[in-house]
Amino acid sequence: MHNHDILIRLRYALDIKNKDMVEIFKLGDIGVTREEVMQMLTKPKDDYYDEYDDDDMDEDEDGVNCNNMMLESFLNGLIIFKRGRQESKPGQPQSQPPAVKIKESVNNILLKKLKIALTLTSEDMIDILDEAGVMITKGELSAILRKVGHRNYKECGDRYARNFLKGLTLRYRG
């Protein structure tokens, strides 16, 4: 699943307005205009889009594409938008280094950050996936939410991410 697909589905599921999208990007330390947001939310016309990585595509003739760094910044901004800015404790760095370093971890980061932003429990996440028709155990969900490198870490596939966003749509709009 491409980053623009994630943004489109997330925007629809949570009923986020265009001006709020701009504000969320701003809270995530990315300055974008309303027009750039609209271009990110438009599927590319290029039939060969699948041949390119999201990281390699920053801008083209059709508009602005959402790379991994922009998606993570959006998710960080969504956390701040929904829950407020967290005060850093003494001795802690002001900002976290980007968690999305490899394309494969995008779905894991998506689920982790949505869990934080929407103050969901593991049971809530299991229920949301269940509403979308996907059965997952608490152990499997725990493996997806773990840090990369942990011995029980499991990569989250597109199926879980897509169905989680579908479940959010059913819960928040249905």
N, C-alpha and C. Protein backbone atom coordinates (compact mmCIF):
# COMPACT_ATOMS: atom_id res chain seq x y z
N MET A 1 0.85 -1.17 0.00
CA MET A 1 0.00 0.00 0.00
C MET A 1 0.90 1.24 0.00
N HIS A 2 0.62 2.17 -0.88
CA HIS A 2 1.42 3.37 -1.00
C HIS A 2 1.01 4.41 0.04
N ASN A 3 1.92 5.32 0.32
CA ASN A 3 1.69 6.33 1.35
C ASN A 3 0.49 7.21 1.04
N HIS A 4 0.28 7.55 -0.23
CA HIS A 4 -0.88 8.39 -0.55
C HIS A 4 -2.18 7.62 -0.30
N ASP A 5 -2.15 6.29 -0.50
CA ASP A 5 -3.33 5.48 -0.18
C ASP A 5 -3.62 5.53 1.31
N ILE A 6 -2.58 5.46 2.12
CA ILE A 6 -2.74 5.52 3.57
C ILE A 6 -3.35 6.86 3.97
N LEU A 7 -2.81 7.95 3.40
CA LEU A 7 -3.34 9.29 3.72
C LEU A 7 -4.81 9.42 3.30
N ILE A 8 -5.13 8.93 2.12
CA ILE A 8 -6.51 9.03 1.63
C ILE A 8 -7.46 8.27 2.54
N ARG A 9 -7.10 7.04 2.87
CA ARG A 9 -7.96 6.21 3.71
C ARG A 9 -8.07 6.76 5.13
N LEU A 10 -6.95 7.25 5.67
CA LEU A 10 -6.95 7.80 7.02
C LEU A 10 -7.78 9.08 7.09
N ARG A 11 -7.63 9.92 6.08
CA ARG A 11 -8.41 11.16 6.04
C ARG A 11 -9.90 10.86 5.99
N TYR A 12 -10.28 9.89 5.18
CA TYR A 12 -11.69 9.52 5.07
C TYR A 12 -12.20 8.90 6.37
N ALA A 13 -11.41 7.96 6.93
CA ALA A 13 -11.84 7.23 8.13
C ALA A 13 -12.08 8.17 9.31
N LEU A 14 -11.18 9.14 9.48
CA LEU A 14 -11.28 10.04 10.63
C LEU A 14 -11.99 11.34 10.29
N ASP A 15 -12.47 11.47 9.03
CA ASP A 15 -13.19 12.66 8.58
C ASP A 15 -12.39 13.93 8.86
N ILE A 16 -11.14 13.95 8.39
CA ILE A 16 -10.25 15.08 8.60
C ILE A 16 -10.45 16.09 7.46
N LYS A 17 -10.69 17.32 7.81
CA LYS A 17 -10.91 18.39 6.83
C LYS A 17 -9.57 18.83 6.23
N ASN A 18 -9.63 19.49 5.07
CA ASN A 18 -8.41 19.93 4.38
C ASN A 18 -7.57 20.87 5.24
N LYS A 19 -8.22 21.83 5.90
CA LYS A 19 -7.46 22.78 6.73
C LYS A 19 -6.82 22.06 7.92
N ASP A 20 -7.49 21.01 8.42
CA ASP A 20 -6.92 20.23 9.51
C ASP A 20 -5.74 19.40 9.01
N MET A 21 -5.79 18.93 7.77
CA MET A 21 -4.66 18.19 7.19
C MET A 21 -3.42 19.08 7.15
N VAL A 22 -3.60 20.32 6.72
CA VAL A 22 -2.48 21.27 6.67
C VAL A 22 -1.94 21.49 8.09
N GLU A 23 -2.83 21.66 9.05
CA GLU A 23 -2.44 21.88 10.45
C GLU A 23 -1.70 20.66 11.02
N ILE A 24 -2.16 19.47 10.69
CA ILE A 24 -1.51 18.25 11.18
C ILE A 24 -0.11 18.13 10.62
N PHE A 25 0.05 18.40 9.33
CA PHE A 25 1.40 18.40 8.75
C PHE A 25 2.28 19.43 9.44
N LYS A 26 1.72 20.60 9.72
CA LYS A 26 2.47 21.67 10.39
C LYS A 26 2.91 21.22 11.79
N LEU A 27 2.02 20.57 12.53
CA LEU A 27 2.37 20.05 13.85
C LEU A 27 3.45 18.98 13.77
N GLY A 28 3.52 18.28 12.64
CA GLY A 28 4.56 17.28 12.41
C GLY A 28 5.81 17.86 11.80
N ASP A 29 5.93 19.20 11.80
CA ASP A 29 7.11 19.93 11.30
C ASP A 29 7.31 19.83 9.79
N ILE A 30 6.20 19.72 9.05
CA ILE A 30 6.25 19.76 7.59
C ILE A 30 5.30 20.87 7.15
N GLY A 31 5.82 21.84 6.42
CA GLY A 31 4.98 22.92 5.93
C GLY A 31 4.45 22.60 4.55
N VAL A 32 3.15 22.42 4.44
CA VAL A 32 2.52 22.19 3.14
C VAL A 32 1.32 23.12 3.01
N THR A 33 0.99 23.41 1.77
CA THR A 33 -0.18 24.25 1.51
C THR A 33 -1.40 23.35 1.30
N ARG A 34 -2.56 23.95 1.28
CA ARG A 34 -3.80 23.21 1.03
C ARG A 34 -3.76 22.55 -0.35
N GLU A 35 -3.18 23.25 -1.34
CA GLU A 35 -3.08 22.70 -2.69
C GLU A 35 -2.17 21.48 -2.72
N GLU A 36 -1.05 21.53 -1.98
CA GLU A 36 -0.15 20.39 -1.92
C GLU A 36 -0.81 19.19 -1.25
N VAL A 37 -1.60 19.45 -0.21
CA VAL A 37 -2.33 18.37 0.44
C VAL A 37 -3.30 17.74 -0.55
N MET A 38 -4.01 18.56 -1.30
CA MET A 38 -4.96 18.03 -2.28
C MET A 38 -4.25 17.19 -3.34
N GLN A 39 -3.04 17.62 -3.74
CA GLN A 39 -2.27 16.85 -4.71
C GLN A 39 -1.80 15.52 -4.12
N MET A 40 -1.46 15.52 -2.83
CA MET A 40 -1.06 14.27 -2.16
C MET A 40 -2.23 13.29 -2.07
N LEU A 41 -3.44 13.84 -1.96
CA LEU A 41 -4.62 13.00 -1.81
C LEU A 41 -5.22 12.55 -3.15
N THR A 42 -4.54 12.91 -4.23
CA THR A 42 -4.98 12.52 -5.56
C THR A 42 -4.09 11.38 -6.04
N LYS A 43 -4.71 10.33 -6.53
CA LYS A 43 -3.92 9.20 -7.03
C LYS A 43 -3.19 9.63 -8.29
N PRO A 44 -1.92 9.22 -8.43
CA PRO A 44 -1.17 9.58 -9.64
C PRO A 44 -1.77 8.96 -10.89
N LYS A 45 -1.64 9.67 -11.99
CA LYS A 45 -2.17 9.19 -13.26
C LYS A 45 -1.21 8.24 -13.95
N ASP A 46 0.02 8.22 -13.47
CA ASP A 46 1.07 7.40 -14.08
C ASP A 46 0.80 5.92 -13.85
N ASP A 47 0.68 5.17 -14.92
CA ASP A 47 0.43 3.73 -14.81
C ASP A 47 1.62 2.98 -14.26
N TYR A 48 2.80 3.58 -14.34
CA TYR A 48 4.01 2.90 -13.90
C TYR A 48 4.40 3.31 -12.49
N TYR A 49 3.46 3.81 -11.71
CA TYR A 49 3.73 4.28 -10.35
C TYR A 49 4.33 3.18 -9.49
N ASP A 50 3.91 1.93 -9.68
CA ASP A 50 4.38 0.82 -8.86
C ASP A 50 5.86 0.53 -9.05
N GLU A 51 6.46 1.02 -10.13
CA GLU A 51 7.87 0.78 -10.37
C GLU A 51 8.77 1.67 -9.52
N TYR A 52 8.23 2.68 -8.89
CA TYR A 52 9.01 3.62 -8.12
C TYR A 52 8.79 3.43 -6.63
N ASP A 53 9.81 3.74 -5.86
CA ASP A 53 9.67 3.76 -4.40
C ASP A 53 9.09 5.09 -3.98
N ASP A 54 8.34 5.10 -2.87
CA ASP A 54 7.80 6.34 -2.34
C ASP A 54 8.90 7.29 -1.91
N ASP A 55 10.04 6.75 -1.47
CA ASP A 55 11.15 7.59 -1.02
C ASP A 55 11.76 8.37 -2.17
N ASP A 56 11.76 7.77 -3.37
CA ASP A 56 12.39 8.41 -4.51
C ASP A 56 11.52 9.51 -5.11
N MET A 57 10.23 9.49 -4.81
CA MET A 57 9.30 10.41 -5.43
C MET A 57 8.92 11.52 -4.45
N ASP A 58 9.56 12.66 -4.56
CA ASP A 58 9.22 13.78 -3.71
C ASP A 58 8.25 14.71 -4.41
N GLU A 59 8.50 14.96 -5.68
CA GLU A 59 7.63 15.84 -6.43
C GLU A 59 7.72 15.47 -7.90
N ASP A 60 6.64 15.61 -8.60
CA ASP A 60 6.65 15.40 -10.04
C ASP A 60 5.69 16.39 -10.69
N GLU A 61 5.44 16.18 -11.99
CA GLU A 61 4.59 17.13 -12.71
C GLU A 61 3.17 17.14 -12.17
N ASP A 62 2.68 16.01 -11.70
CA ASP A 62 1.30 15.92 -11.22
C ASP A 62 1.13 16.50 -9.84
N GLY A 63 2.19 16.65 -9.08
CA GLY A 63 2.04 17.22 -7.75
C GLY A 63 3.02 16.65 -6.75
N VAL A 64 2.65 16.73 -5.50
CA VAL A 64 3.49 16.33 -4.39
C VAL A 64 3.13 14.91 -3.98
N ASN A 65 4.12 14.06 -3.85
CA ASN A 65 3.89 12.70 -3.38
C ASN A 65 4.36 12.60 -1.94
N CYS A 66 3.72 11.79 -1.19
CA CYS A 66 4.00 11.64 0.23
C CYS A 66 5.04 10.53 0.43
N ASN A 67 6.26 10.92 0.78
CA ASN A 67 7.28 9.92 1.04
C ASN A 67 7.17 9.44 2.49
N ASN A 68 8.01 8.49 2.87
CA ASN A 68 7.93 7.91 4.21
C ASN A 68 8.12 8.94 5.31
N MET A 69 9.06 9.86 5.11
CA MET A 69 9.31 10.89 6.12
C MET A 69 8.08 11.79 6.30
N MET A 70 7.44 12.14 5.20
CA MET A 70 6.24 13.00 5.28
C MET A 70 5.09 12.27 5.96
N LEU A 71 4.94 10.98 5.66
CA LEU A 71 3.87 10.20 6.29
C LEU A 71 4.11 10.10 7.80
N GLU A 72 5.35 9.83 8.18
CA GLU A 72 5.64 9.75 9.61
C GLU A 72 5.43 11.09 10.30
N SER A 73 5.82 12.18 9.64
CA SER A 73 5.58 13.51 10.20
C SER A 73 4.09 13.78 10.35
N PHE A 74 3.31 13.34 9.36
CA PHE A 74 1.86 13.49 9.45
C PHE A 74 1.31 12.72 10.65
N LEU A 75 1.77 11.49 10.84
CA LEU A 75 1.30 10.68 11.97
C LEU A 75 1.71 11.29 13.30
N ASN A 76 2.93 11.84 13.36
CA ASN A 76 3.36 12.54 14.58
C ASN A 76 2.48 13.76 14.83
N GLY A 77 2.18 14.50 13.75
CA GLY A 77 1.29 15.65 13.88
C GLY A 77 -0.11 15.25 14.30
N LEU A 78 -0.57 14.09 13.84
CA LEU A 78 -1.89 13.60 14.22
C LEU A 78 -1.94 13.31 15.72
N ILE A 79 -0.85 12.77 16.26
CA ILE A 79 -0.78 12.51 17.70
C ILE A 79 -0.90 13.82 18.47
N ILE A 80 -0.17 14.83 18.02
CA ILE A 80 -0.21 16.14 18.69
C ILE A 80 -1.59 16.77 18.51
N PHE A 81 -2.17 16.65 17.32
CA PHE A 81 -3.49 17.20 17.01
C PHE A 81 -4.57 16.60 17.91
N LYS A 82 -4.50 15.29 18.12
CA LYS A 82 -5.52 14.60 18.92
C LYS A 82 -5.26 14.67 20.42
N ARG A 83 -3.99 14.65 20.84
CA ARG A 83 -3.69 14.51 22.26
C ARG A 83 -2.94 15.69 22.87
N GLY A 84 -2.44 16.61 22.03
CA GLY A 84 -1.67 17.73 22.55
C GLY A 84 -0.19 17.40 22.57
N ARG A 85 0.62 18.45 22.63
CA ARG A 85 2.07 18.28 22.62
C ARG A 85 2.54 17.75 23.97
N GLN A 86 3.42 16.75 23.94
CA GLN A 86 3.95 16.17 25.16
C GLN A 86 5.19 16.95 25.59
N GLU A 87 5.21 17.33 26.85
CA GLU A 87 6.37 18.03 27.38
C GLU A 87 7.51 17.04 27.56
N SER A 88 8.70 17.41 27.08
CA SER A 88 9.83 16.50 27.21
C SER A 88 10.39 16.57 28.63
N LYS A 89 10.85 15.43 29.10
CA LYS A 89 11.41 15.34 30.44
C LYS A 89 12.87 15.78 30.39
N PRO A 90 13.41 16.27 31.50
CA PRO A 90 14.81 16.69 31.51
C PRO A 90 15.73 15.54 31.11
N GLY A 91 16.68 15.85 30.23
CA GLY A 91 17.62 14.85 29.77
C GLY A 91 17.17 14.09 28.54
N GLN A 92 15.92 14.27 28.12
CA GLN A 92 15.42 13.60 26.92
C GLN A 92 15.64 14.51 25.72
N PRO A 93 15.92 13.91 24.55
CA PRO A 93 16.04 14.74 23.35
C PRO A 93 14.68 15.36 23.00
N GLN A 94 14.70 16.53 22.38
CA GLN A 94 13.47 17.24 22.04
C GLN A 94 12.63 16.49 21.02
N SER A 95 13.27 15.90 20.03
CA SER A 95 12.50 15.18 19.01
C SER A 95 13.09 13.79 18.81
N GLN A 96 12.24 12.88 18.43
CA GLN A 96 12.65 11.51 18.18
C GLN A 96 13.21 11.40 16.76
N PRO A 97 14.20 10.54 16.57
CA PRO A 97 14.67 10.30 15.20
C PRO A 97 13.59 9.58 14.41
N PRO A 98 13.57 9.74 13.10
CA PRO A 98 12.53 9.09 12.29
C PRO A 98 12.54 7.58 12.48
N ALA A 99 11.37 7.00 12.69
CA ALA A 99 11.27 5.56 12.89
C ALA A 99 11.18 4.81 11.57
N VAL A 100 10.67 5.48 10.54
CA VAL A 100 10.52 4.82 9.24
C VAL A 100 11.83 4.95 8.49
N LYS A 101 12.65 3.92 8.59
CA LYS A 101 13.93 3.93 7.89
C LYS A 101 13.87 3.02 6.67
N ILE A 102 13.04 2.00 6.77
CA ILE A 102 12.88 1.07 5.66
C ILE A 102 11.40 1.01 5.30
N LYS A 103 11.12 0.77 4.04
CA LYS A 103 9.74 0.79 3.57
C LYS A 103 8.88 -0.25 4.27
N GLU A 104 9.46 -1.38 4.61
CA GLU A 104 8.69 -2.47 5.19
C GLU A 104 8.08 -2.12 6.55
N SER A 105 8.65 -1.17 7.26
CA SER A 105 8.16 -0.87 8.60
C SER A 105 7.07 0.21 8.61
N VAL A 106 6.67 0.71 7.47
CA VAL A 106 5.67 1.78 7.41
C VAL A 106 4.35 1.34 8.05
N ASN A 107 3.90 0.14 7.75
CA ASN A 107 2.63 -0.34 8.30
C ASN A 107 2.70 -0.51 9.81
N ASN A 108 3.84 -0.99 10.32
CA ASN A 108 4.00 -1.13 11.76
C ASN A 108 3.93 0.23 12.44
N ILE A 109 4.62 1.20 11.89
CA ILE A 109 4.63 2.56 12.44
C ILE A 109 3.22 3.15 12.38
N LEU A 110 2.51 2.90 11.28
CA LEU A 110 1.14 3.39 11.13
C LEU A 110 0.27 2.89 12.27
N LEU A 111 0.30 1.60 12.55
CA LEU A 111 -0.54 1.05 13.61
C LEU A 111 -0.13 1.57 14.98
N LYS A 112 1.18 1.66 15.22
CA LYS A 112 1.66 2.16 16.52
C LYS A 112 1.21 3.59 16.76
N LYS A 113 1.39 4.43 15.77
CA LYS A 113 1.08 5.85 15.94
C LYS A 113 -0.42 6.10 15.98
N LEU A 114 -1.20 5.33 15.25
CA LEU A 114 -2.65 5.47 15.33
C LEU A 114 -3.16 5.00 16.69
N LYS A 115 -2.53 3.98 17.24
CA LYS A 115 -2.91 3.52 18.58
C LYS A 115 -2.70 4.64 19.59
N ILE A 116 -1.58 5.34 19.47
CA ILE A 116 -1.28 6.45 20.38
C ILE A 116 -2.22 7.62 20.14
N ALA A 117 -2.36 8.02 18.87
CA ALA A 117 -3.16 9.21 18.54
C ALA A 117 -4.62 9.05 18.96
N LEU A 118 -5.17 7.86 18.77
CA LEU A 118 -6.58 7.64 19.05
C LEU A 118 -6.82 7.04 20.42
N THR A 119 -5.77 6.95 21.23
CA THR A 119 -5.80 6.36 22.58
C THR A 119 -6.54 5.02 22.59
N LEU A 120 -6.08 4.13 21.73
CA LEU A 120 -6.68 2.82 21.62
C LEU A 120 -5.94 1.81 22.49
N THR A 121 -6.67 0.87 23.04
CA THR A 121 -6.05 -0.25 23.74
C THR A 121 -5.86 -1.37 22.72
N SER A 122 -5.12 -2.39 23.11
CA SER A 122 -4.94 -3.54 22.22
C SER A 122 -6.28 -4.19 21.91
N GLU A 123 -7.16 -4.25 22.90
CA GLU A 123 -8.49 -4.82 22.68
C GLU A 123 -9.27 -3.99 21.67
N ASP A 124 -9.15 -2.66 21.74
CA ASP A 124 -9.81 -1.79 20.76
C ASP A 124 -9.31 -2.09 19.35
N MET A 125 -8.00 -2.26 19.21
CA MET A 125 -7.41 -2.53 17.90
C MET A 125 -7.89 -3.88 17.37
N ILE A 126 -7.96 -4.87 18.25
CA ILE A 126 -8.46 -6.19 17.84
C ILE A 126 -9.92 -6.09 17.40
N ASP A 127 -10.71 -5.31 18.13
CA ASP A 127 -12.12 -5.11 17.77
C ASP A 127 -12.26 -4.40 16.43
N ILE A 128 -11.41 -3.40 16.18
CA ILE A 128 -11.45 -2.66 14.92
C ILE A 128 -11.12 -3.60 13.75
N LEU A 129 -10.09 -4.42 13.92
CA LEU A 129 -9.75 -5.39 12.87
C LEU A 129 -10.86 -6.41 12.70
N ASP A 130 -11.49 -6.80 13.80
CA ASP A 130 -12.59 -7.77 13.74
C ASP A 130 -13.77 -7.19 12.97
N GLU A 131 -14.05 -5.89 13.17
CA GLU A 131 -15.13 -5.24 12.43
C GLU A 131 -14.87 -5.28 10.93
N ALA A 132 -13.58 -5.26 10.55
CA ALA A 132 -13.22 -5.30 9.13
C ALA A 132 -13.12 -6.73 8.62
N GLY A 133 -13.37 -7.71 9.49
CA GLY A 133 -13.36 -9.09 9.06
C GLY A 133 -12.03 -9.81 9.21
N VAL A 134 -11.11 -9.26 9.99
CA VAL A 134 -9.80 -9.89 10.19
C VAL A 134 -9.67 -10.31 11.64
N MET A 135 -9.39 -11.58 11.84
CA MET A 135 -9.18 -12.09 13.18
C MET A 135 -7.68 -12.07 13.49
N ILE A 136 -7.33 -11.49 14.62
CA ILE A 136 -5.94 -11.43 15.04
C ILE A 136 -5.91 -11.67 16.55
N THR A 137 -4.89 -12.38 17.00
CA THR A 137 -4.78 -12.63 18.43
C THR A 137 -4.03 -11.49 19.09
N LYS A 138 -4.13 -11.43 20.40
CA LYS A 138 -3.42 -10.39 21.14
C LYS A 138 -1.91 -10.56 20.98
N GLY A 139 -1.45 -11.79 20.90
CA GLY A 139 -0.02 -12.07 20.71
C GLY A 139 0.48 -11.59 19.36
N GLU A 140 -0.32 -11.82 18.31
CA GLU A 140 0.07 -11.35 16.97
C GLU A 140 0.12 -9.83 16.92
N LEU A 141 -0.87 -9.18 17.53
CA LEU A 141 -0.90 -7.72 17.56
C LEU A 141 0.30 -7.19 18.34
N SER A 142 0.61 -7.83 19.44
CA SER A 142 1.76 -7.43 20.26
C SER A 142 3.05 -7.53 19.45
N ALA A 143 3.18 -8.58 18.62
CA ALA A 143 4.38 -8.75 17.79
C ALA A 143 4.49 -7.63 16.75
N ILE A 144 3.35 -7.19 16.22
CA ILE A 144 3.35 -6.12 15.23
C ILE A 144 3.73 -4.79 15.88
N LEU A 145 3.33 -4.58 17.13
CA LEU A 145 3.58 -3.31 17.81
C LEU A 145 4.97 -3.24 18.45
N ARG A 146 5.75 -4.31 18.38
CA ARG A 146 7.09 -4.31 18.99
C ARG A 146 8.08 -3.54 18.15
N LYS A 147 9.24 -3.26 18.77
CA LYS A 147 10.33 -2.56 18.10
C LYS A 147 11.02 -3.48 17.10
N VAL A 148 11.50 -2.89 16.00
CA VAL A 148 12.28 -3.66 15.04
C VAL A 148 13.52 -4.16 15.76
N GLY A 149 13.85 -5.42 15.58
CA GLY A 149 15.01 -6.00 16.24
C GLY A 149 14.65 -6.84 17.45
N HIS A 150 13.46 -6.63 17.99
CA HIS A 150 13.00 -7.47 19.11
C HIS A 150 12.80 -8.89 18.58
N ARG A 151 13.08 -9.88 19.40
CA ARG A 151 13.03 -11.27 18.90
C ARG A 151 11.61 -11.69 18.50
N ASN A 152 10.58 -11.05 19.04
CA ASN A 152 9.20 -11.40 18.69
C ASN A 152 8.57 -10.42 17.70
N TYR A 153 9.38 -9.51 17.14
CA TYR A 153 8.87 -8.53 16.18
C TYR A 153 8.33 -9.24 14.94
N LYS A 154 7.19 -8.75 14.45
CA LYS A 154 6.61 -9.27 13.22
C LYS A 154 6.27 -8.09 12.32
N GLU A 155 6.65 -8.19 11.07
CA GLU A 155 6.34 -7.13 10.12
C GLU A 155 4.85 -7.14 9.80
N CYS A 156 4.26 -5.96 9.78
CA CYS A 156 2.84 -5.82 9.49
C CYS A 156 2.65 -5.73 7.98
N GLY A 157 1.86 -6.63 7.46
CA GLY A 157 1.60 -6.64 6.03
C GLY A 157 0.53 -5.62 5.65
N ASP A 158 0.40 -5.41 4.36
CA ASP A 158 -0.59 -4.46 3.85
C ASP A 158 -2.01 -4.89 4.23
N ARG A 159 -2.23 -6.18 4.32
CA ARG A 159 -3.57 -6.68 4.65
C ARG A 159 -4.05 -6.14 5.99
N TYR A 160 -3.20 -6.23 7.01
CA TYR A 160 -3.58 -5.74 8.34
C TYR A 160 -3.78 -4.22 8.33
N ALA A 161 -2.84 -3.50 7.68
CA ALA A 161 -2.94 -2.04 7.65
C ALA A 161 -4.20 -1.60 6.91
N ARG A 162 -4.45 -2.19 5.76
CA ARG A 162 -5.62 -1.83 4.95
C ARG A 162 -6.92 -2.12 5.72
N ASN A 163 -6.98 -3.29 6.35
CA ASN A 163 -8.19 -3.65 7.08
C ASN A 163 -8.34 -2.87 8.38
N PHE A 164 -7.23 -2.45 8.98
CA PHE A 164 -7.33 -1.60 10.17
C PHE A 164 -7.93 -0.25 9.78
N LEU A 165 -7.48 0.31 8.66
CA LEU A 165 -8.05 1.58 8.19
C LEU A 165 -9.51 1.40 7.80
N LYS A 166 -9.86 0.24 7.23
CA LYS A 166 -11.26 -0.05 6.90
C LYS A 166 -12.09 -0.14 8.18
N GLY A 167 -11.55 -0.79 9.22
CA GLY A 167 -12.24 -0.89 10.50
C GLY A 167 -12.42 0.46 11.16
N LEU A 168 -11.42 1.33 11.03
CA LEU A 168 -11.54 2.70 11.56
C LEU A 168 -12.69 3.42 10.86
N THR A 169 -12.78 3.23 9.54
CA THR A 169 -13.87 3.86 8.78
C THR A 169 -15.22 3.37 9.29
N LEU A 170 -15.33 2.07 9.50
CA LEU A 170 -16.59 1.52 10.00
C LEU A 170 -16.93 2.04 11.39
N ARG A 171 -15.91 2.19 12.23
CA ARG A 171 -16.14 2.63 13.59
C ARG A 171 -16.47 4.13 13.68
N TYR A 172 -15.71 4.96 12.95
CA TYR A 172 -15.86 6.40 13.09
C TYR A 172 -16.88 7.01 12.13
N ARG A 173 -17.17 6.33 11.03
CA ARG A 173 -18.11 6.90 10.06
C ARG A 173 -19.37 6.08 9.91
N GLY A 174 -19.35 4.84 10.42
CA GLY A 174 -20.46 3.93 10.19
C GLY A 174 -21.50 3.96 11.21
